[in-house]
Amino acid sequence: MSILLNKYQLIRPLLTISILLLSLFLLTACAGLAEMDSHSKIARFQNAEDVYRASMRWGEWNNVFQLMKDKPDSTEKLKPPSDDASVYLEKIKVRDIEVLSSGMKKDLGTGHSKFRIGYRFENSAVIKTLHHNVSWWYYEKGNVWFTDTPLPKEFDLPESNTIRLSPK
């Protein structure tokens, strides 16, 4: 009987410490979640970046264009895509898009993302890879992030649709 009591006497402090550590861990996790509510700049930045990536990945180009707006003080203006460019984008199939780096300056309302994009053209098996740097800016009134970065130049409509039949 005394041997059984000794085992329980050893287990009780370990169980108490385990429960204390678990409670501390849960309390810390809840505090972290409170910091990242859905209305915070950080959460909105991550959401905009996720929507941009997912929309590009699945060819939802209208969603990508909704995130693209000129910065109010910018001298360079984004061009809306032509109908031909939109048709051309439908032929691009993004295989994967990976975030290489991401960050924001909360106090300045700016951010950046660097993506590695694997893509191919419809009816082609050749996978091409490119790096795409995206600049973000925060619109305070709408509590939303936009990018003033155009799509990668590799996604631009080719200047000529002529098919070359010979190398000459």
N, C-alpha and C. Protein backbone atom coordinates (compact mmCIF):
# COMPACT_ATOMS: atom_id res chain seq x y z
N MET A 1 0.81 -1.19 0.00
CA MET A 1 0.00 0.00 0.00
C MET A 1 0.86 1.26 0.00
N SER A 2 1.96 1.23 0.74
CA SER A 2 2.82 2.40 0.80
C SER A 2 3.52 2.66 -0.54
N ILE A 3 3.77 1.62 -1.32
CA ILE A 3 4.38 1.79 -2.64
C ILE A 3 3.41 2.51 -3.57
N LEU A 4 2.13 2.17 -3.51
CA LEU A 4 1.15 2.84 -4.34
C LEU A 4 1.01 4.30 -3.97
N LEU A 5 1.02 4.62 -2.72
CA LEU A 5 0.94 6.00 -2.28
C LEU A 5 2.14 6.79 -2.79
N ASN A 6 3.31 6.20 -2.79
CA ASN A 6 4.51 6.90 -3.25
C ASN A 6 4.41 7.24 -4.74
N LYS A 7 3.83 6.33 -5.54
CA LYS A 7 3.68 6.61 -6.97
C LYS A 7 2.73 7.79 -7.17
N TYR A 8 1.60 7.79 -6.46
CA TYR A 8 0.65 8.89 -6.60
C TYR A 8 1.22 10.19 -6.06
N GLN A 9 2.03 10.09 -5.05
CA GLN A 9 2.66 11.30 -4.50
C GLN A 9 3.64 11.89 -5.50
N LEU A 10 4.27 11.07 -6.33
CA LEU A 10 5.18 11.56 -7.36
C LEU A 10 4.42 12.12 -8.56
N ILE A 11 3.32 11.52 -8.92
CA ILE A 11 2.55 11.93 -10.09
C ILE A 11 1.83 13.25 -9.86
N ARG A 12 1.33 13.47 -8.66
CA ARG A 12 0.55 14.68 -8.36
C ARG A 12 1.32 15.96 -8.65
N PRO A 13 2.58 16.14 -8.22
CA PRO A 13 3.29 17.39 -8.55
C PRO A 13 3.53 17.53 -10.07
N LEU A 14 3.82 16.43 -10.76
CA LEU A 14 4.03 16.50 -12.20
C LEU A 14 2.74 16.91 -12.92
N LEU A 15 1.63 16.37 -12.47
CA LEU A 15 0.34 16.71 -13.05
C LEU A 15 0.02 18.19 -12.79
N THR A 16 0.28 18.66 -11.60
CA THR A 16 0.05 20.06 -11.25
C THR A 16 0.89 20.99 -12.11
N ILE A 17 2.17 20.67 -12.29
CA ILE A 17 3.06 21.48 -13.12
C ILE A 17 2.60 21.46 -14.58
N SER A 18 2.17 20.31 -15.06
CA SER A 18 1.70 20.19 -16.43
C SER A 18 0.46 21.05 -16.66
N ILE A 19 -0.47 21.01 -15.73
CA ILE A 19 -1.68 21.82 -15.86
C ILE A 19 -1.34 23.30 -15.79
N LEU A 20 -0.41 23.68 -14.94
CA LEU A 20 0.02 25.07 -14.83
C LEU A 20 0.66 25.55 -16.13
N LEU A 21 1.53 24.74 -16.71
CA LEU A 21 2.18 25.11 -17.98
C LEU A 21 1.18 25.19 -19.12
N LEU A 22 0.23 24.27 -19.16
CA LEU A 22 -0.79 24.31 -20.20
C LEU A 22 -1.65 25.56 -20.07
N SER A 23 -2.01 25.92 -18.85
CA SER A 23 -2.80 27.13 -18.62
C SER A 23 -2.03 28.38 -19.05
N LEU A 24 -0.75 28.41 -18.73
CA LEU A 24 0.11 29.54 -19.12
C LEU A 24 0.21 29.64 -20.63
N PHE A 25 0.37 28.50 -21.30
CA PHE A 25 0.46 28.46 -22.76
C PHE A 25 -0.84 28.98 -23.39
N LEU A 26 -2.00 28.52 -22.88
CA LEU A 26 -3.28 28.95 -23.42
C LEU A 26 -3.51 30.44 -23.19
N LEU A 27 -3.10 30.94 -22.06
CA LEU A 27 -3.24 32.36 -21.76
C LEU A 27 -2.40 33.20 -22.71
N THR A 28 -1.18 32.76 -22.99
CA THR A 28 -0.30 33.46 -23.92
C THR A 28 -0.87 33.42 -25.34
N ALA A 29 -1.40 32.29 -25.74
CA ALA A 29 -1.99 32.15 -27.07
C ALA A 29 -3.20 33.07 -27.23
N CYS A 30 -4.03 33.16 -26.22
CA CYS A 30 -5.20 34.04 -26.29
C CYS A 30 -4.79 35.50 -26.38
N ALA A 31 -3.75 35.88 -25.66
CA ALA A 31 -3.25 37.25 -25.73
C ALA A 31 -2.74 37.56 -27.13
N GLY A 32 -2.08 36.59 -27.76
CA GLY A 32 -1.59 36.77 -29.13
C GLY A 32 -2.73 36.92 -30.12
N LEU A 33 -3.81 36.15 -29.92
CA LEU A 33 -4.96 36.25 -30.80
C LEU A 33 -5.67 37.59 -30.63
N ALA A 34 -5.71 38.11 -29.44
CA ALA A 34 -6.34 39.40 -29.20
C ALA A 34 -5.59 40.50 -29.95
N GLU A 35 -4.26 40.37 -30.04
CA GLU A 35 -3.44 41.33 -30.78
C GLU A 35 -3.76 41.28 -32.27
N MET A 36 -4.09 40.09 -32.78
CA MET A 36 -4.31 39.90 -34.21
C MET A 36 -5.79 39.79 -34.54
N ASP A 37 -6.62 40.72 -34.07
CA ASP A 37 -8.02 40.64 -34.44
C ASP A 37 -8.17 40.98 -35.92
N SER A 38 -9.32 40.68 -36.47
CA SER A 38 -9.51 40.81 -37.92
C SER A 38 -9.52 42.26 -38.41
N HIS A 39 -9.58 43.22 -37.51
CA HIS A 39 -9.61 44.62 -37.91
C HIS A 39 -8.25 45.30 -37.77
N SER A 40 -7.26 44.61 -37.26
CA SER A 40 -5.95 45.23 -37.09
C SER A 40 -5.25 45.37 -38.43
N LYS A 41 -4.34 46.32 -38.51
CA LYS A 41 -3.57 46.54 -39.74
C LYS A 41 -2.81 45.28 -40.14
N ILE A 42 -2.25 44.61 -39.15
CA ILE A 42 -1.44 43.42 -39.42
C ILE A 42 -2.31 42.32 -40.03
N ALA A 43 -3.47 42.07 -39.43
CA ALA A 43 -4.36 41.03 -39.94
C ALA A 43 -4.87 41.39 -41.33
N ARG A 44 -5.18 42.66 -41.54
CA ARG A 44 -5.66 43.10 -42.86
C ARG A 44 -4.56 42.97 -43.91
N PHE A 45 -3.31 43.26 -43.53
CA PHE A 45 -2.19 43.11 -44.46
C PHE A 45 -2.04 41.64 -44.86
N GLN A 46 -2.04 40.76 -43.88
CA GLN A 46 -1.89 39.33 -44.17
C GLN A 46 -3.06 38.82 -45.01
N ASN A 47 -4.26 39.32 -44.74
CA ASN A 47 -5.43 38.91 -45.52
C ASN A 47 -5.31 39.38 -46.97
N ALA A 48 -4.90 40.63 -47.17
CA ALA A 48 -4.73 41.15 -48.54
C ALA A 48 -3.69 40.34 -49.30
N GLU A 49 -2.59 40.02 -48.63
CA GLU A 49 -1.53 39.22 -49.25
C GLU A 49 -2.05 37.82 -49.60
N ASP A 50 -2.82 37.22 -48.72
CA ASP A 50 -3.39 35.89 -48.96
C ASP A 50 -4.38 35.91 -50.13
N VAL A 51 -5.23 36.94 -50.18
CA VAL A 51 -6.20 37.06 -51.27
C VAL A 51 -5.47 37.24 -52.60
N TYR A 52 -4.42 38.06 -52.61
CA TYR A 52 -3.63 38.30 -53.81
C TYR A 52 -3.03 36.98 -54.31
N ARG A 53 -2.40 36.25 -53.41
CA ARG A 53 -1.77 34.97 -53.77
C ARG A 53 -2.81 33.96 -54.27
N ALA A 54 -3.88 33.78 -53.52
CA ALA A 54 -4.89 32.79 -53.88
C ALA A 54 -5.57 33.16 -55.20
N SER A 55 -5.85 34.43 -55.38
CA SER A 55 -6.51 34.86 -56.61
C SER A 55 -5.61 34.65 -57.82
N MET A 56 -4.33 34.95 -57.66
CA MET A 56 -3.40 34.72 -58.75
C MET A 56 -3.26 33.22 -59.00
N ARG A 57 -3.18 32.45 -57.95
CA ARG A 57 -2.98 31.01 -58.08
C ARG A 57 -4.13 30.36 -58.84
N TRP A 58 -5.35 30.79 -58.60
CA TRP A 58 -6.52 30.17 -59.21
C TRP A 58 -7.05 30.94 -60.41
N GLY A 59 -6.30 31.93 -60.88
CA GLY A 59 -6.69 32.65 -62.09
C GLY A 59 -7.89 33.56 -61.90
N GLU A 60 -8.11 34.01 -60.68
CA GLU A 60 -9.20 34.95 -60.39
C GLU A 60 -8.66 36.37 -60.56
N TRP A 61 -8.43 36.74 -61.81
CA TRP A 61 -7.73 37.99 -62.11
C TRP A 61 -8.52 39.22 -61.68
N ASN A 62 -9.85 39.17 -61.69
CA ASN A 62 -10.64 40.32 -61.23
C ASN A 62 -10.37 40.62 -59.77
N ASN A 63 -10.19 39.59 -58.95
CA ASN A 63 -9.85 39.80 -57.53
C ASN A 63 -8.49 40.47 -57.39
N VAL A 64 -7.54 40.04 -58.22
CA VAL A 64 -6.21 40.66 -58.19
C VAL A 64 -6.33 42.13 -58.55
N PHE A 65 -7.10 42.44 -59.60
CA PHE A 65 -7.24 43.83 -60.04
C PHE A 65 -7.95 44.70 -59.01
N GLN A 66 -8.81 44.10 -58.20
CA GLN A 66 -9.48 44.88 -57.16
C GLN A 66 -8.50 45.33 -56.07
N LEU A 67 -7.42 44.58 -55.90
CA LEU A 67 -6.40 44.95 -54.91
C LEU A 67 -5.39 45.95 -55.47
N MET A 68 -5.45 46.20 -56.77
CA MET A 68 -4.49 47.09 -57.42
C MET A 68 -5.10 48.48 -57.58
N LYS A 69 -4.55 49.44 -56.84
CA LYS A 69 -5.00 50.84 -56.92
C LYS A 69 -3.78 51.74 -56.83
N ASP A 70 -3.87 52.87 -57.52
CA ASP A 70 -2.79 53.84 -57.47
C ASP A 70 -2.71 54.46 -56.08
N LYS A 71 -1.50 54.63 -55.61
CA LYS A 71 -1.28 55.32 -54.35
C LYS A 71 -1.65 56.79 -54.58
N PRO A 72 -2.33 57.43 -53.64
CA PRO A 72 -2.79 58.80 -53.87
C PRO A 72 -1.70 59.80 -54.30
N ASP A 73 -0.49 59.66 -53.77
CA ASP A 73 0.57 60.62 -54.09
C ASP A 73 1.49 60.13 -55.21
N SER A 74 1.11 59.07 -55.90
CA SER A 74 1.95 58.47 -56.94
C SER A 74 1.82 59.21 -58.27
N THR A 75 2.95 59.35 -58.96
CA THR A 75 2.93 59.97 -60.29
C THR A 75 2.70 58.92 -61.38
N GLU A 76 3.11 57.66 -61.12
CA GLU A 76 2.89 56.59 -62.08
C GLU A 76 1.51 56.00 -61.84
N LYS A 77 0.79 55.79 -62.92
CA LYS A 77 -0.57 55.27 -62.82
C LYS A 77 -0.65 53.87 -63.42
N LEU A 78 -1.41 53.01 -62.76
CA LEU A 78 -1.66 51.66 -63.26
C LEU A 78 -2.62 51.73 -64.44
N LYS A 79 -2.36 50.90 -65.44
CA LYS A 79 -3.26 50.83 -66.59
C LYS A 79 -4.26 49.69 -66.35
N PRO A 80 -5.55 49.96 -66.56
CA PRO A 80 -6.50 48.85 -66.46
C PRO A 80 -6.25 47.89 -67.62
N PRO A 81 -6.44 46.60 -67.41
CA PRO A 81 -6.16 45.64 -68.49
C PRO A 81 -7.18 45.77 -69.63
N SER A 82 -6.70 45.65 -70.83
CA SER A 82 -7.60 45.65 -71.99
C SER A 82 -8.32 44.30 -72.05
N ASP A 83 -9.32 44.22 -72.91
CA ASP A 83 -10.04 42.96 -73.09
C ASP A 83 -9.10 41.88 -73.60
N ASP A 84 -8.20 42.26 -74.53
CA ASP A 84 -7.23 41.30 -75.07
C ASP A 84 -6.30 40.80 -73.97
N ALA A 85 -5.87 41.71 -73.09
CA ALA A 85 -4.98 41.32 -71.99
C ALA A 85 -5.70 40.37 -71.03
N SER A 86 -6.97 40.63 -70.79
CA SER A 86 -7.75 39.75 -69.90
C SER A 86 -7.88 38.35 -70.49
N VAL A 87 -8.11 38.27 -71.78
CA VAL A 87 -8.20 36.96 -72.45
C VAL A 87 -6.85 36.26 -72.38
N TYR A 88 -5.76 37.02 -72.56
CA TYR A 88 -4.42 36.44 -72.50
C TYR A 88 -4.12 35.91 -71.10
N LEU A 89 -4.53 36.65 -70.06
CA LEU A 89 -4.29 36.20 -68.68
C LEU A 89 -4.99 34.88 -68.39
N GLU A 90 -6.12 34.65 -69.02
CA GLU A 90 -6.85 33.39 -68.82
C GLU A 90 -6.03 32.19 -69.28
N LYS A 91 -5.08 32.41 -70.18
CA LYS A 91 -4.23 31.33 -70.70
C LYS A 91 -3.06 31.03 -69.77
N ILE A 92 -2.82 31.89 -68.79
CA ILE A 92 -1.73 31.68 -67.84
C ILE A 92 -2.25 30.85 -66.67
N LYS A 93 -1.58 29.77 -66.39
CA LYS A 93 -1.96 28.87 -65.30
C LYS A 93 -0.85 28.91 -64.25
N VAL A 94 -1.15 29.53 -63.11
CA VAL A 94 -0.16 29.61 -62.03
C VAL A 94 -0.16 28.27 -61.30
N ARG A 95 0.98 27.65 -61.30
CA ARG A 95 1.12 26.32 -60.67
C ARG A 95 1.30 26.46 -59.17
N ASP A 96 2.15 27.39 -58.76
CA ASP A 96 2.37 27.65 -57.34
C ASP A 96 2.86 29.07 -57.15
N ILE A 97 2.60 29.60 -55.99
CA ILE A 97 3.07 30.94 -55.63
C ILE A 97 3.50 30.88 -54.17
N GLU A 98 4.75 31.20 -53.94
CA GLU A 98 5.34 31.08 -52.61
C GLU A 98 5.81 32.45 -52.13
N VAL A 99 5.54 32.76 -50.87
CA VAL A 99 6.02 34.00 -50.28
C VAL A 99 7.48 33.79 -49.86
N LEU A 100 8.37 34.56 -50.47
CA LEU A 100 9.79 34.49 -50.10
C LEU A 100 10.09 35.42 -48.94
N SER A 101 9.45 36.59 -48.95
CA SER A 101 9.59 37.51 -47.82
C SER A 101 8.36 38.41 -47.78
N SER A 102 8.09 38.90 -46.60
CA SER A 102 6.91 39.72 -46.40
C SER A 102 7.15 40.60 -45.18
N GLY A 103 6.68 41.82 -45.24
CA GLY A 103 6.83 42.69 -44.08
C GLY A 103 6.05 43.97 -44.28
N MET A 104 5.82 44.63 -43.16
CA MET A 104 5.10 45.91 -43.23
C MET A 104 5.65 46.87 -42.20
N LYS A 105 5.51 48.14 -42.50
CA LYS A 105 5.84 49.21 -41.56
C LYS A 105 4.51 49.78 -41.10
N LYS A 106 4.06 49.30 -39.96
CA LYS A 106 2.73 49.63 -39.46
C LYS A 106 2.53 51.14 -39.32
N ASP A 107 3.56 51.82 -38.82
CA ASP A 107 3.43 53.26 -38.59
C ASP A 107 3.39 54.06 -39.90
N LEU A 108 4.02 53.56 -40.96
CA LEU A 108 4.02 54.26 -42.24
C LEU A 108 2.89 53.81 -43.16
N GLY A 109 2.27 52.69 -42.84
CA GLY A 109 1.20 52.18 -43.69
C GLY A 109 1.70 51.65 -45.02
N THR A 110 2.90 51.06 -45.00
CA THR A 110 3.45 50.47 -46.22
C THR A 110 3.88 49.04 -45.93
N GLY A 111 3.99 48.26 -46.98
CA GLY A 111 4.43 46.89 -46.83
C GLY A 111 5.04 46.39 -48.13
N HIS A 112 5.62 45.22 -48.06
CA HIS A 112 6.19 44.59 -49.26
C HIS A 112 6.01 43.08 -49.17
N SER A 113 5.96 42.47 -50.33
CA SER A 113 5.93 41.02 -50.44
C SER A 113 6.80 40.63 -51.62
N LYS A 114 7.53 39.56 -51.44
CA LYS A 114 8.31 39.01 -52.55
C LYS A 114 7.82 37.59 -52.77
N PHE A 115 7.34 37.33 -54.00
CA PHE A 115 6.78 36.03 -54.35
C PHE A 115 7.66 35.32 -55.37
N ARG A 116 7.65 33.99 -55.29
CA ARG A 116 8.21 33.16 -56.37
C ARG A 116 7.01 32.49 -57.00
N ILE A 117 6.84 32.71 -58.30
CA ILE A 117 5.67 32.21 -59.00
C ILE A 117 6.10 31.19 -60.04
N GLY A 118 5.51 30.02 -59.98
CA GLY A 118 5.68 28.99 -61.01
C GLY A 118 4.44 29.00 -61.86
N TYR A 119 4.60 29.15 -63.17
CA TYR A 119 3.45 29.24 -64.05
C TYR A 119 3.74 28.55 -65.39
N ARG A 120 2.68 28.33 -66.11
CA ARG A 120 2.79 27.79 -67.47
C ARG A 120 1.66 28.39 -68.28
N PHE A 121 1.78 28.26 -69.59
CA PHE A 121 0.72 28.71 -70.46
C PHE A 121 -0.17 27.53 -70.80
N GLU A 122 -1.44 27.81 -71.00
CA GLU A 122 -2.39 26.78 -71.39
C GLU A 122 -1.83 26.04 -72.61
N ASN A 123 -2.01 24.77 -72.67
CA ASN A 123 -1.52 23.93 -73.77
C ASN A 123 0.00 23.83 -73.81
N SER A 124 0.65 24.09 -72.70
CA SER A 124 2.11 23.94 -72.63
C SER A 124 2.45 23.21 -71.34
N ALA A 125 3.48 22.39 -71.40
CA ALA A 125 3.92 21.67 -70.21
C ALA A 125 5.13 22.32 -69.57
N VAL A 126 5.64 23.38 -70.18
CA VAL A 126 6.85 24.04 -69.69
C VAL A 126 6.50 24.97 -68.51
N ILE A 127 7.07 24.66 -67.36
CA ILE A 127 6.86 25.49 -66.16
C ILE A 127 7.95 26.55 -66.12
N LYS A 128 7.54 27.80 -66.02
CA LYS A 128 8.48 28.91 -65.92
C LYS A 128 8.38 29.47 -64.50
N THR A 129 9.46 30.08 -64.06
CA THR A 129 9.50 30.65 -62.71
C THR A 129 9.91 32.11 -62.79
N LEU A 130 9.31 32.93 -61.94
CA LEU A 130 9.68 34.34 -61.87
C LEU A 130 9.59 34.81 -60.42
N HIS A 131 10.27 35.91 -60.14
CA HIS A 131 10.18 36.56 -58.83
C HIS A 131 9.40 37.85 -59.03
N HIS A 132 8.47 38.09 -58.13
CA HIS A 132 7.58 39.25 -58.25
C HIS A 132 7.58 40.01 -56.92
N ASN A 133 8.03 41.27 -56.96
CA ASN A 133 8.04 42.14 -55.78
C ASN A 133 6.80 43.01 -55.80
N VAL A 134 6.06 43.00 -54.71
CA VAL A 134 4.82 43.76 -54.61
C VAL A 134 4.93 44.77 -53.47
N SER A 135 4.62 46.02 -53.78
CA SER A 135 4.57 47.08 -52.76
C SER A 135 3.12 47.29 -52.35
N TRP A 136 2.90 47.45 -51.06
CA TRP A 136 1.56 47.63 -50.52
C TRP A 136 1.45 48.99 -49.86
N TRP A 137 0.25 49.57 -49.85
CA TRP A 137 -0.03 50.80 -49.12
C TRP A 137 -1.39 50.67 -48.44
N TYR A 138 -1.51 51.35 -47.32
CA TYR A 138 -2.69 51.21 -46.47
C TYR A 138 -3.62 52.40 -46.65
N TYR A 139 -4.90 52.12 -46.92
CA TYR A 139 -5.92 53.15 -47.03
C TYR A 139 -6.65 53.22 -45.70
N GLU A 140 -6.34 54.24 -44.94
CA GLU A 140 -6.81 54.38 -43.55
C GLU A 140 -8.34 54.40 -43.45
N LYS A 141 -9.00 55.17 -44.31
CA LYS A 141 -10.46 55.32 -44.21
C LYS A 141 -11.19 54.00 -44.43
N GLY A 142 -10.70 53.19 -45.34
CA GLY A 142 -11.36 51.93 -45.63
C GLY A 142 -10.81 50.75 -44.85
N ASN A 143 -9.71 50.99 -44.08
CA ASN A 143 -9.04 49.93 -43.32
C ASN A 143 -8.70 48.76 -44.23
N VAL A 144 -8.07 49.09 -45.38
CA VAL A 144 -7.77 48.07 -46.38
C VAL A 144 -6.40 48.36 -47.02
N TRP A 145 -5.74 47.30 -47.45
CA TRP A 145 -4.44 47.40 -48.12
C TRP A 145 -4.62 47.25 -49.62
N PHE A 146 -3.86 48.05 -50.39
CA PHE A 146 -3.83 47.97 -51.84
C PHE A 146 -2.39 47.86 -52.30
N THR A 147 -2.23 47.41 -53.54
CA THR A 147 -0.91 47.41 -54.16
C THR A 147 -0.95 48.32 -55.38
N ASP A 148 0.15 49.03 -55.57
CA ASP A 148 0.27 49.86 -56.78
C ASP A 148 1.30 49.24 -57.74
N THR A 149 1.56 47.95 -57.55
CA THR A 149 2.52 47.23 -58.37
C THR A 149 1.77 46.52 -59.50
N PRO A 150 2.19 46.73 -60.75
CA PRO A 150 1.54 46.01 -61.85
C PRO A 150 1.88 44.52 -61.81
N LEU A 151 1.15 43.74 -62.57
CA LEU A 151 1.46 42.31 -62.69
C LEU A 151 2.86 42.15 -63.29
N PRO A 152 3.47 40.99 -63.11
CA PRO A 152 4.81 40.78 -63.69
C PRO A 152 4.80 41.01 -65.20
N LYS A 153 5.89 41.55 -65.72
CA LYS A 153 5.96 41.85 -67.16
C LYS A 153 5.81 40.58 -68.00
N GLU A 154 6.14 39.42 -67.42
CA GLU A 154 5.97 38.16 -68.14
C GLU A 154 4.50 37.85 -68.40
N PHE A 155 3.59 38.50 -67.67
CA PHE A 155 2.16 38.29 -67.85
C PHE A 155 1.55 39.30 -68.81
N ASP A 156 2.36 40.21 -69.34
CA ASP A 156 1.87 41.21 -70.29
C ASP A 156 1.52 40.56 -71.62
N LEU A 157 0.55 41.14 -72.28
CA LEU A 157 0.16 40.69 -73.61
C LEU A 157 1.33 40.88 -74.56
N PRO A 158 1.70 39.85 -75.33
CA PRO A 158 2.80 40.01 -76.26
C PRO A 158 2.48 41.10 -77.29
N GLU A 159 3.52 41.79 -77.75
CA GLU A 159 3.31 42.88 -78.70
C GLU A 159 2.84 42.36 -80.05
N SER A 160 3.24 41.17 -80.41
CA SER A 160 2.88 40.62 -81.70
C SER A 160 2.29 39.22 -81.52
N ASN A 161 1.26 38.94 -82.25
CA ASN A 161 0.67 37.61 -82.22
C ASN A 161 1.10 36.78 -83.42
N THR A 162 2.13 37.26 -84.12
CA THR A 162 2.61 36.56 -85.31
C THR A 162 3.33 35.28 -84.90
N ILE A 163 3.03 34.21 -85.58
CA ILE A 163 3.69 32.94 -85.33
C ILE A 163 4.86 32.81 -86.29
N ARG A 164 6.00 32.58 -85.76
CA ARG A 164 7.20 32.44 -86.57
C ARG A 164 7.35 30.97 -86.98
N LEU A 165 7.40 30.72 -88.28
CA LEU A 165 7.45 29.34 -88.76
C LEU A 165 8.87 28.85 -89.02
N SER A 166 9.78 29.75 -89.25
CA SER A 166 11.15 29.33 -89.52
C SER A 166 12.12 30.23 -88.75
N PRO A 167 13.32 29.73 -88.49
CA PRO A 167 14.27 30.54 -87.72
C PRO A 167 14.85 31.71 -88.53
N LYS A 168 14.58 31.81 -89.81
CA LYS A 168 15.16 32.87 -90.65
C LYS A 168 14.40 34.16 -90.55
